Amino acid sequence: MGDTTTLTIRVPVNLKRRLDKLARKSKLSKSWLATDAVEQYVAEQERQATLVRTAEYQIESGKFLRHEEVRRWLLSWGAEKELPPPTCK
């Protein structure tokens, strides 16, 4: 399993009961289930942080579209004079 360490957390009683029940039904340990949940949560938070950093960089570089430009273009879809897609300046 590689290097591991112990992490102690406080959870609501009802959550602990649900974890106990899930462990029994899935035949997986509570430790495995909790580790998997924390791993997924941390990975998602890291992914979101990367997306935010990327978006901030794009905004600082001027690579973005204003909401109103996109809205105007989308509302023109299917119209006789459909607007061309907006472009980043």
PDB file of N, CA and C in Angstrom:
ATOM      1  N   MET A   1       0.815  -1.191   0.000  1.00  0.00           N
ATOM      2  CA  MET A   1       0.000   0.000   0.000  1.00  0.00           C
ATOM      3  C   MET A   1       0.856   1.252   0.000  1.00  0.00           C
ATOM      4  N   GLY A   2       2.138   1.128   0.223  1.00  0.00           N
ATOM      5  CA  GLY A   2       2.990   2.301   0.222  1.00  0.00           C
ATOM      6  C   GLY A   2       2.964   3.002   1.564  1.00  0.00           C
ATOM      7  N   ASP A   3       3.569   4.169   1.575  1.00  0.00           N
ATOM      8  CA  ASP A   3       3.601   4.955   2.813  1.00  0.00           C
ATOM      9  C   ASP A   3       2.209   5.473   3.154  1.00  0.00           C
ATOM     10  N   THR A   4       1.851   5.348   4.401  1.00  0.00           N
ATOM     11  CA  THR A   4       0.567   5.875   4.876  1.00  0.00           C
ATOM     12  C   THR A   4       0.789   6.570   6.210  1.00  0.00           C
ATOM     13  N   THR A   5      -0.210   7.314   6.606  1.00  0.00           N
ATOM     14  CA  THR A   5      -0.204   7.966   7.907  1.00  0.00           C
ATOM     15  C   THR A   5      -1.631   7.962   8.428  1.00  0.00           C
ATOM     16  N   THR A   6      -1.787   8.310   9.669  1.00  0.00           N
ATOM     17  CA  THR A   6      -3.105   8.331  10.281  1.00  0.00           C
ATOM     18  C   THR A   6      -3.638   9.755  10.291  1.00  0.00           C
ATOM     19  N   LEU A   7      -4.921   9.895  10.000  1.00  0.00           N
ATOM     20  CA  LEU A   7      -5.615  11.169  10.029  1.00  0.00           C
ATOM     21  C   LEU A   7      -6.878  10.974  10.857  1.00  0.00           C
ATOM     22  N   THR A   8      -7.046  11.789  11.849  1.00  0.00           N
ATOM     23  CA  THR A   8      -8.230  11.688  12.695  1.00  0.00           C
ATOM     24  C   THR A   8      -9.134  12.878  12.401  1.00  0.00           C
ATOM     25  N   ILE A   9     -10.403  12.596  12.145  1.00  0.00           N
ATOM     26  CA  ILE A   9     -11.356  13.675  11.890  1.00  0.00           C
ATOM     27  C   ILE A   9     -12.618  13.456  12.718  1.00  0.00           C
ATOM     28  N   ARG A  10     -13.312  14.536  12.984  1.00  0.00           N
ATOM     29  CA  ARG A  10     -14.613  14.452  13.650  1.00  0.00           C
ATOM     30  C   ARG A  10     -15.685  14.579  12.583  1.00  0.00           C
ATOM     31  N   VAL A  11     -16.646  13.671  12.639  1.00  0.00           N
ATOM     32  CA  VAL A  11     -17.765  13.714  11.689  1.00  0.00           C
ATOM     33  C   VAL A  11     -19.066  13.614  12.476  1.00  0.00           C
ATOM     34  N   PRO A  12     -20.149  14.106  11.896  1.00  0.00           N
ATOM     35  CA  PRO A  12     -21.431  13.946  12.567  1.00  0.00           C
ATOM     36  C   PRO A  12     -21.764  12.460  12.768  1.00  0.00           C
ATOM     37  N   VAL A  13     -22.458  12.176  13.842  1.00  0.00           N
ATOM     38  CA  VAL A  13     -22.809  10.794  14.188  1.00  0.00           C
ATOM     39  C   VAL A  13     -23.531  10.111  13.025  1.00  0.00           C
ATOM     40  N   ASN A  14     -24.444  10.838  12.396  1.00  0.00           N
ATOM     41  CA  ASN A  14     -25.208  10.241  11.303  1.00  0.00           C
ATOM     42  C   ASN A  14     -24.304   9.867  10.129  1.00  0.00           C
ATOM     43  N   LEU A  15     -23.303  10.682   9.841  1.00  0.00           N
ATOM     44  CA  LEU A  15     -22.373  10.360   8.758  1.00  0.00           C
ATOM     45  C   LEU A  15     -21.568   9.108   9.097  1.00  0.00           C
ATOM     46  N   LYS A  16     -21.141   8.987  10.339  1.00  0.00           N
ATOM     47  CA  LYS A  16     -20.409   7.790  10.779  1.00  0.00           C
ATOM     48  C   LYS A  16     -21.269   6.546  10.612  1.00  0.00           C
ATOM     49  N   ARG A  17     -22.542   6.649  10.973  1.00  0.00           N
ATOM     50  CA  ARG A  17     -23.458   5.503  10.816  1.00  0.00           C
ATOM     51  C   ARG A  17     -23.599   5.129   9.344  1.00  0.00           C
ATOM     52  N   ARG A  18     -23.718   6.128   8.501  1.00  0.00           N
ATOM     53  CA  ARG A  18     -23.844   5.867   7.063  1.00  0.00           C
ATOM     54  C   ARG A  18     -22.583   5.202   6.523  1.00  0.00           C
ATOM     55  N   LEU A  19     -21.422   5.656   6.988  1.00  0.00           N
ATOM     56  CA  LEU A  19     -20.161   5.061   6.565  1.00  0.00           C
ATOM     57  C   LEU A  19     -20.070   3.611   7.038  1.00  0.00           C
ATOM     58  N   ASP A  20     -20.466   3.362   8.280  1.00  0.00           N
ATOM     59  CA  ASP A  20     -20.486   1.986   8.802  1.00  0.00           C
ATOM     60  C   ASP A  20     -21.360   1.088   7.926  1.00  0.00           C
ATOM     61  N   LYS A  21     -22.539   1.578   7.602  1.00  0.00           N
ATOM     62  CA  LYS A  21     -23.502   0.810   6.802  1.00  0.00           C
ATOM     63  C   LYS A  21     -22.942   0.545   5.402  1.00  0.00           C
ATOM     64  N   LEU A  22     -22.360   1.559   4.798  1.00  0.00           N
ATOM     65  CA  LEU A  22     -21.788   1.399   3.467  1.00  0.00           C
ATOM     66  C   LEU A  22     -20.636   0.401   3.481  1.00  0.00           C
ATOM     67  N   ALA A  23     -19.815   0.459   4.515  1.00  0.00           N
ATOM     68  CA  ALA A  23     -18.693  -0.478   4.622  1.00  0.00           C
ATOM     69  C   ALA A  23     -19.194  -1.916   4.721  1.00  0.00           C
ATOM     70  N   ARG A  24     -20.220  -2.119   5.542  1.00  0.00           N
ATOM     71  CA  ARG A  24     -20.775  -3.474   5.673  1.00  0.00           C
ATOM     72  C   ARG A  24     -21.345  -3.955   4.335  1.00  0.00           C
ATOM     73  N   LYS A  25     -22.134  -3.120   3.684  1.00  0.00           N
ATOM     74  CA  LYS A  25     -22.783  -3.527   2.428  1.00  0.00           C
ATOM     75  C   LYS A  25     -21.787  -3.728   1.294  1.00  0.00           C
ATOM     76  N   SER A  26     -20.765  -2.888   1.234  1.00  0.00           N
ATOM     77  CA  SER A  26     -19.807  -2.976   0.128  1.00  0.00           C
ATOM     78  C   SER A  26     -18.673  -3.955   0.411  1.00  0.00           C
ATOM     79  N   LYS A  27     -18.589  -4.386   1.676  1.00  0.00           N
ATOM     80  CA  LYS A  27     -17.504  -5.280   2.103  1.00  0.00           C
ATOM     81  C   LYS A  27     -16.136  -4.627   1.888  1.00  0.00           C
ATOM     82  N   LEU A  28     -16.116  -3.296   2.055  1.00  0.00           N
ATOM     83  CA  LEU A  28     -14.879  -2.528   2.019  1.00  0.00           C
ATOM     84  C   LEU A  28     -14.682  -1.914   3.394  1.00  0.00           C
ATOM     85  N   SER A  29     -13.451  -1.647   3.757  1.00  0.00           N
ATOM     86  CA  SER A  29     -13.215  -1.076   5.082  1.00  0.00           C
ATOM     87  C   SER A  29     -13.625   0.400   5.109  1.00  0.00           C
ATOM     88  N   LYS A  30     -13.969   0.866   6.311  1.00  0.00           N
ATOM     89  CA  LYS A  30     -14.282   2.288   6.477  1.00  0.00           C
ATOM     90  C   LYS A  30     -13.068   3.119   6.097  1.00  0.00           C
ATOM     91  N   SER A  31     -11.895   2.640   6.442  1.00  0.00           N
ATOM     92  CA  SER A  31     -10.672   3.357   6.115  1.00  0.00           C
ATOM     93  C   SER A  31     -10.511   3.503   4.603  1.00  0.00           C
ATOM     94  N   TRP A  32     -10.760   2.418   3.871  1.00  0.00           N
ATOM     95  CA  TRP A  32     -10.636   2.475   2.415  1.00  0.00           C
ATOM     96  C   TRP A  32     -11.650   3.459   1.838  1.00  0.00           C
ATOM     97  N   LEU A  33     -12.890   3.379   2.300  1.00  0.00           N
ATOM     98  CA  LEU A  33     -13.941   4.272   1.789  1.00  0.00           C
ATOM     99  C   LEU A  33     -13.609   5.737   2.080  1.00  0.00           C
ATOM    100  N   ALA A  34     -13.148   6.005   3.301  1.00  0.00           N
ATOM    101  CA  ALA A  34     -12.819   7.383   3.674  1.00  0.00           C
ATOM    102  C   ALA A  34     -11.618   7.885   2.881  1.00  0.00           C
ATOM    103  N   THR A  35     -10.613   7.054   2.707  1.00  0.00           N
ATOM    104  CA  THR A  35      -9.435   7.441   1.922  1.00  0.00           C
ATOM    105  C   THR A  35      -9.828   7.737   0.483  1.00  0.00           C
ATOM    106  N   ASP A  36     -10.670   6.895  -0.091  1.00  0.00           N
ATOM    107  CA  ASP A  36     -11.132   7.097  -1.462  1.00  0.00           C
ATOM    108  C   ASP A  36     -11.905   8.420  -1.578  1.00  0.00           C
ATOM    109  N   ALA A  37     -12.771   8.686  -0.606  1.00  0.00           N
ATOM    110  CA  ALA A  37     -13.552   9.925  -0.633  1.00  0.00           C
ATOM    111  C   ALA A  37     -12.648  11.150  -0.524  1.00  0.00           C
ATOM    112  N   VAL A  38     -11.676  11.111   0.374  1.00  0.00           N
ATOM    113  CA  VAL A  38     -10.757  12.244   0.536  1.00  0.00           C
ATOM    114  C   VAL A  38      -9.928  12.414  -0.729  1.00  0.00           C
ATOM    115  N   GLU A  39      -9.445  11.328  -1.294  1.00  0.00           N
ATOM    116  CA  GLU A  39      -8.655  11.387  -2.530  1.00  0.00           C
ATOM    117  C   GLU A  39      -9.454  12.042  -3.653  1.00  0.00           C
ATOM    118  N   GLN A  40     -10.708  11.632  -3.824  1.00  0.00           N
ATOM    119  CA  GLN A  40     -11.540  12.218  -4.871  1.00  0.00           C
ATOM    120  C   GLN A  40     -11.795  13.702  -4.617  1.00  0.00           C
ATOM    121  N   TYR A  41     -12.041  14.062  -3.382  1.00  0.00           N
ATOM    122  CA  TYR A  41     -12.291  15.459  -3.027  1.00  0.00           C
ATOM    123  C   TYR A  41     -11.055  16.317  -3.308  1.00  0.00           C
ATOM    124  N   VAL A  42      -9.897  15.858  -2.863  1.00  0.00           N
ATOM    125  CA  VAL A  42      -8.665  16.622  -3.059  1.00  0.00           C
ATOM    126  C   VAL A  42      -8.365  16.755  -4.554  1.00  0.00           C
ATOM    127  N   ALA A  43      -8.527  15.690  -5.311  1.00  0.00           N
ATOM    128  CA  ALA A  43      -8.283  15.746  -6.757  1.00  0.00           C
ATOM    129  C   ALA A  43      -9.209  16.755  -7.423  1.00  0.00           C
ATOM    130  N   GLU A  44     -10.463  16.785  -7.029  1.00  0.00           N
ATOM    131  CA  GLU A  44     -11.429  17.735  -7.608  1.00  0.00           C
ATOM    132  C   GLU A  44     -11.074  19.171  -7.227  1.00  0.00           C
ATOM    133  N   GLN A  45     -10.670  19.396  -5.996  1.00  0.00           N
ATOM    134  CA  GLN A  45     -10.276  20.742  -5.570  1.00  0.00           C
ATOM    135  C   GLN A  45      -9.026  21.199  -6.325  1.00  0.00           C
ATOM    136  N   GLU A  46      -8.088  20.301  -6.540  1.00  0.00           N
ATOM    137  CA  GLU A  46      -6.884  20.634  -7.310  1.00  0.00           C
ATOM    138  C   GLU A  46      -7.252  20.969  -8.754  1.00  0.00           C
ATOM    139  N   ARG A  47      -8.157  20.186  -9.334  1.00  0.00           N
ATOM    140  CA  ARG A  47      -8.598  20.429 -10.717  1.00  0.00           C
ATOM    141  C   ARG A  47      -9.258  21.800 -10.822  1.00  0.00           C
ATOM    142  N   GLN A  48     -10.130  22.118  -9.869  1.00  0.00           N
ATOM    143  CA  GLN A  48     -10.808  23.415  -9.896  1.00  0.00           C
ATOM    144  C   GLN A  48      -9.821  24.563  -9.722  1.00  0.00           C
ATOM    145  N   ALA A  49      -8.839  24.397  -8.859  1.00  0.00           N
ATOM    146  CA  ALA A  49      -7.827  25.442  -8.653  1.00  0.00           C
ATOM    147  C   ALA A  49      -7.043  25.676  -9.941  1.00  0.00           C
ATOM    148  N   THR A  50      -6.736  24.611 -10.658  1.00  0.00           N
ATOM    149  CA  THR A  50      -6.033  24.740 -11.937  1.00  0.00           C
ATOM    150  C   THR A  50      -6.889  25.480 -12.953  1.00  0.00           C
ATOM    151  N   LEU A  51      -8.177  25.162 -12.993  1.00  0.00           N
ATOM    152  CA  LEU A  51      -9.082  25.856 -13.918  1.00  0.00           C
ATOM    153  C   LEU A  51      -9.174  27.346 -13.589  1.00  0.00           C
ATOM    154  N   VAL A  52      -9.228  27.674 -12.315  1.00  0.00           N
ATOM    155  CA  VAL A  52      -9.291  29.081 -11.901  1.00  0.00           C
ATOM    156  C   VAL A  52      -8.014  29.805 -12.308  1.00  0.00           C
ATOM    157  N   ARG A  53      -6.856  29.185 -12.045  1.00  0.00           N
ATOM    158  CA  ARG A  53      -5.582  29.810 -12.427  1.00  0.00           C
ATOM    159  C   ARG A  53      -5.511  30.029 -13.937  1.00  0.00           C
ATOM    160  N   THR A  54      -5.969  29.041 -14.711  1.00  0.00           N
ATOM    161  CA  THR A  54      -5.970  29.152 -16.165  1.00  0.00           C
ATOM    162  C   THR A  54      -6.883  30.285 -16.610  1.00  0.00           C
ATOM    163  N   ALA A  55      -8.074  30.359 -16.027  1.00  0.00           N
ATOM    164  CA  ALA A  55      -9.015  31.426 -16.384  1.00  0.00           C
ATOM    165  C   ALA A  55      -8.454  32.793 -16.023  1.00  0.00           C
ATOM    166  N   GLU A  56      -7.844  32.911 -14.862  1.00  0.00           N
ATOM    167  CA  GLU A  56      -7.245  34.188 -14.460  1.00  0.00           C
ATOM    168  C   GLU A  56      -6.147  34.608 -15.435  1.00  0.00           C
ATOM    169  N   TYR A  57      -5.329  33.665 -15.854  1.00  0.00           N
ATOM    170  CA  TYR A  57      -4.266  33.950 -16.819  1.00  0.00           C
ATOM    171  C   TYR A  57      -4.875  34.419 -18.143  1.00  0.00           C
ATOM    172  N   GLN A  58      -5.921  33.727 -18.600  1.00  0.00           N
ATOM    173  CA  GLN A  58      -6.550  34.104 -19.858  1.00  0.00           C
ATOM    174  C   GLN A  58      -7.163  35.501 -19.774  1.00  0.00           C
ATOM    175  N   ILE A  59      -7.783  35.815 -18.656  1.00  0.00           N
ATOM    176  CA  ILE A  59      -8.367  37.147 -18.477  1.00  0.00           C
ATOM    177  C   ILE A  59      -7.264  38.206 -18.498  1.00  0.00           C
ATOM    178  N   GLU A  60      -6.178  37.958 -17.760  1.00  0.00           N
ATOM    179  CA  GLU A  60      -5.057  38.902 -17.734  1.00  0.00           C
ATOM    180  C   GLU A  60      -4.442  39.085 -19.115  1.00  0.00           C
ATOM    181  N   SER A  61      -4.498  38.035 -19.941  1.00  0.00           N
ATOM    182  CA  SER A  61      -3.937  38.086 -21.291  1.00  0.00           C
ATOM    183  C   SER A  61      -4.931  38.640 -22.304  1.00  0.00           C
ATOM    184  N   GLY A  62      -6.147  38.941 -21.854  1.00  0.00           N
ATOM    185  CA  GLY A  62      -7.167  39.469 -22.766  1.00  0.00           C
ATOM    186  C   GLY A  62      -7.854  38.407 -23.600  1.00  0.00           C
ATOM    187  N   LYS A  63      -7.687  37.155 -23.228  1.00  0.00           N
ATOM    188  CA  LYS A  63      -8.282  36.054 -23.990  1.00  0.00           C
ATOM    189  C   LYS A  63      -9.602  35.636 -23.347  1.00  0.00           C
ATOM    190  N   PHE A  64     -10.614  36.456 -23.546  1.00  0.00           N
ATOM    191  CA  PHE A  64     -11.926  36.119 -23.005  1.00  0.00           C
ATOM    192  C   PHE A  64     -12.990  36.827 -23.831  1.00  0.00           C
ATOM    193  N   LEU A  65     -14.214  36.375 -23.687  1.00  0.00           N
ATOM    194  CA  LEU A  65     -15.365  36.991 -24.341  1.00  0.00           C
ATOM    195  C   LEU A  65     -16.284  37.539 -23.272  1.00  0.00           C
ATOM    196  N   ARG A  66     -16.832  38.675 -23.526  1.00  0.00           N
ATOM    197  CA  ARG A  66     -17.799  39.249 -22.597  1.00  0.00           C
ATOM    198  C   ARG A  66     -19.137  38.537 -22.761  1.00  0.00           C
ATOM    199  N   HIS A  67     -19.824  38.380 -21.653  1.00  0.00           N
ATOM    200  CA  HIS A  67     -21.115  37.688 -21.643  1.00  0.00           C
ATOM    201  C   HIS A  67     -22.069  38.278 -22.683  1.00  0.00           C
ATOM    202  N   GLU A  68     -22.150  39.582 -22.740  1.00  0.00           N
ATOM    203  CA  GLU A  68     -23.108  40.226 -23.645  1.00  0.00           C
ATOM    204  C   GLU A  68     -22.807  39.908 -25.105  1.00  0.00           C
ATOM    205  N   GLU A  69     -21.515  39.794 -25.456  1.00  0.00           N
ATOM    206  CA  GLU A  69     -21.157  39.450 -26.841  1.00  0.00           C
ATOM    207  C   GLU A  69     -21.643  38.040 -27.191  1.00  0.00           C
ATOM    208  N   VAL A  70     -21.412  37.113 -26.281  1.00  0.00           N
ATOM    209  CA  VAL A  70     -21.829  35.721 -26.512  1.00  0.00           C
ATOM    210  C   VAL A  70     -23.350  35.634 -26.534  1.00  0.00           C
ATOM    211  N   ARG A  71     -23.986  36.335 -25.623  1.00  0.00           N
ATOM    212  CA  ARG A  71     -25.460  36.330 -25.557  1.00  0.00           C
ATOM    213  C   ARG A  71     -26.062  36.835 -26.864  1.00  0.00           C
ATOM    214  N   ARG A  72     -25.538  37.955 -27.362  1.00  0.00           N
ATOM    215  CA  ARG A  72     -26.049  38.549 -28.604  1.00  0.00           C
ATOM    216  C   ARG A  72     -25.879  37.557 -29.758  1.00  0.00           C
ATOM    217  N   TRP A  73     -24.726  36.896 -29.830  1.00  0.00           N
ATOM    218  CA  TRP A  73     -24.473  35.916 -30.880  1.00  0.00           C
ATOM    219  C   TRP A  73     -25.435  34.734 -30.773  1.00  0.00           C
ATOM    220  N   LEU A  74     -25.585  34.186 -29.553  1.00  0.00           N
ATOM    221  CA  LEU A  74     -26.476  33.030 -29.375  1.00  0.00           C
ATOM    222  C   LEU A  74     -27.923  33.372 -29.720  1.00  0.00           C
ATOM    223  N   LEU A  75     -28.354  34.562 -29.345  1.00  0.00           N
ATOM    224  CA  LEU A  75     -29.736  34.970 -29.647  1.00  0.00           C
ATOM    225  C   LEU A  75     -29.960  35.161 -31.145  1.00  0.00           C
ATOM    226  N   SER A  76     -28.882  35.317 -31.897  1.00  0.00           N
ATOM    227  CA  SER A  76     -29.035  35.490 -33.349  1.00  0.00           C
ATOM    228  C   SER A  76     -29.145  34.157 -34.086  1.00  0.00           C
ATOM    229  N   TRP A  77     -28.879  33.063 -33.403  1.00  0.00           N
ATOM    230  CA  TRP A  77     -28.947  31.760 -34.067  1.00  0.00           C
ATOM    231  C   TRP A  77     -30.332  31.546 -34.658  1.00  0.00           C
ATOM    232  N   GLY A  78     -30.354  31.097 -35.888  1.00  0.00           N
ATOM    233  CA  GLY A  78     -31.613  30.801 -36.554  1.00  0.00           C
ATOM    234  C   GLY A  78     -32.282  32.040 -37.143  1.00  0.00           C
ATOM    235  N   ALA A  79     -31.745  33.202 -36.863  1.00  0.00           N
ATOM    236  CA  ALA A  79     -32.305  34.437 -37.412  1.00  0.00           C
ATOM    237  C   ALA A  79     -31.851  34.584 -38.861  1.00  0.00           C
ATOM    238  N   GLU A  80     -32.557  35.441 -39.581  1.00  0.00           N
ATOM    239  CA  GLU A  80     -32.209  35.662 -40.980  1.00  0.00           C
ATOM    240  C   GLU A  80     -30.776  36.176 -41.119  1.00  0.00           C
ATOM    241  N   LYS A  81     -30.381  37.052 -40.221  1.00  0.00           N
ATOM    242  CA  LYS A  81     -29.020  37.603 -40.251  1.00  0.00           C
ATOM    243  C   LYS A  81     -28.263  37.169 -39.000  1.00  0.00           C
ATOM    244  N   GLU A  82     -27.913  35.888 -38.991  1.00  0.00           N
ATOM    245  CA  GLU A  82     -27.171  35.353 -37.840  1.00  0.00           C
ATOM    246  C   GLU A  82     -25.811  36.041 -37.747  1.00  0.00           C
ATOM    247  N   LEU A  83     -25.452  36.420 -36.530  1.00  0.00           N
ATOM    248  CA  LEU A  83     -24.186  37.100 -36.318  1.00  0.00           C
ATOM    249  C   LEU A  83     -23.028  36.102 -36.364  1.00  0.00           C
ATOM    250  N   PRO A  84     -21.837  36.563 -36.768  1.00  0.00           N
ATOM    251  CA  PRO A  84     -20.665  35.673 -36.716  1.00  0.00           C
ATOM    252  C   PRO A  84     -20.272  35.465 -35.265  1.00  0.00           C
ATOM    253  N   PRO A  85     -19.628  34.360 -34.958  1.00  0.00           N
ATOM    254  CA  PRO A  85     -19.220  34.126 -33.578  1.00  0.00           C
ATOM    255  C   PRO A  85     -18.248  35.218 -33.114  1.00  0.00           C
ATOM    256  N   PRO A  86     -18.370  35.624 -31.868  1.00  0.00           N
ATOM    257  CA  PRO A  86     -17.429  36.623 -31.351  1.00  0.00           C
ATOM    258  C   PRO A  86     -16.038  36.019 -31.222  1.00  0.00           C
ATOM    259  N   THR A  87     -15.041  36.876 -31.263  1.00  0.00           N
ATOM    260  CA  THR A  87     -13.666  36.410 -31.107  1.00  0.00           C
ATOM    261  C   THR A  87     -12.977  37.182 -29.996  1.00  0.00           C
ATOM    262  N   CYS A  88     -11.994  36.563 -29.413  1.00  0.00           N
ATOM    263  CA  CYS A  88     -11.199  37.232 -28.389  1.00  0.00           C
ATOM    264  C   CYS A  88     -10.377  38.319 -29.061  1.00  0.00           C
ATOM    265  N   LYS A  89     -10.228  39.414 -28.365  1.00  0.00           N
ATOM    266  CA  LYS A  89      -9.481  40.536 -28.938  1.00  0.00           C
ATOM    267  C   LYS A  89      -8.023  40.438 -28.626  1.00  0.00           C
TER     268      LYS A  89
END
